[in-house]
Amino acid sequence: MKRSLFTRVFALISALSLLVPCTGCGKREEKEKRLPETIIEEMVVDYGSYGDEANAHIEALLEELGAVDADAAARWARIMPLWRAVNADLKLNYDVLPDGLPDTDELCLVVLGFQLAPDGSMRDELIERLKVAQRSAEKYPNALIVCTGGGTAAENESAAEAREMSKWLIENGVAPARVIVEDRSLTTAQNAIYTFDILAERYPQVSKLAIVSSDYHIATGALLFGAEAILRAEKAGEDRVTVVSNAAWKAPSGSLSTMFQAGALIELSGDVDTAFEIYFDTYDIHELPPLREGDKA
């Protein structure tokens, strides 16, 4: 029987292969190494989706990450336990910062913004956060205060959360020299990124942060500012700035899911597009404004 063309070609290839030395014979094929960012995103999404049920898989992913980027693995091996701790064990201090913090300019209160009304005015929730910040600033009169939040007013492009916040604090007795304005950010992750930029450039003495926000938002703020400090350290484990405390306004409602926090961590790691996809799927407090090209970190 006449053989088909395919059979003859296959036979020829097989015969030729016998003449070519086999460099990989007897060796198990190595698993293809993935990019660090791919491993990090899988790890973060797994924990955001499944919580502690994903711990065993996360340990395996950290090991995989260590094989391709030991420095990144060392940092994320600290961020993941921080994530668990802020959601499970973080103590909230209502209405004012607790006793025992340093009353020097090494302490900085970070007041997280809240979306402005369409006309650019502050909503009641943001004003309540500012009242907590004011009481805390009076208790620690030498501490600095960062107001952080950008342009989120639907009908007033000139308004920014941080500028309105700083005006309120100054009008209510806080010395202008203490108030720092970060008015670029649209997300809590960007709050952290841009605040650290300002502190590193202009206030290198700051080494301790206290997060001020609504109670449901404190854990997310502590996570993201803590994670940003870990990621920015010159060497893994040598953070220059740490989150040491918080002061919360007791909100009547509100929550932020671990999946939302996963999106924020992905934003910190640099993948803004994926982060915003997660935000739009999970954001359950107030509408997030559209992402503009100039807003990408």
Foldseek 3Di string as FASTA:
>chain_A
DDDDPVVVVVVVVVVVVVVDDDPCPPHDDDDDQDDLLVLLLVLLLCCLVPNPVCVVVNVVSLVSSCVVPVQVSLLVVVLVVLLVCLVPPDDAAELEWDPDDDLAQLEEEEEEFDADEQVQHRDPQSVSLLSSVLRHCVVRVHYAYEYAWAQRRNNDRVHFRQVNSLVVSVVVPRDNVRYHYHHQAQDLLVSQVSVVVCCVVPPLSHAEYEYTHAPQCRSLNQSNNQSLQQVPDPGHPRRRHHYDYYYHYHDPDDHAGSQLSSLSVSLNVQPPVSSVVSCVVGPDDDDGDDDDPVSRD
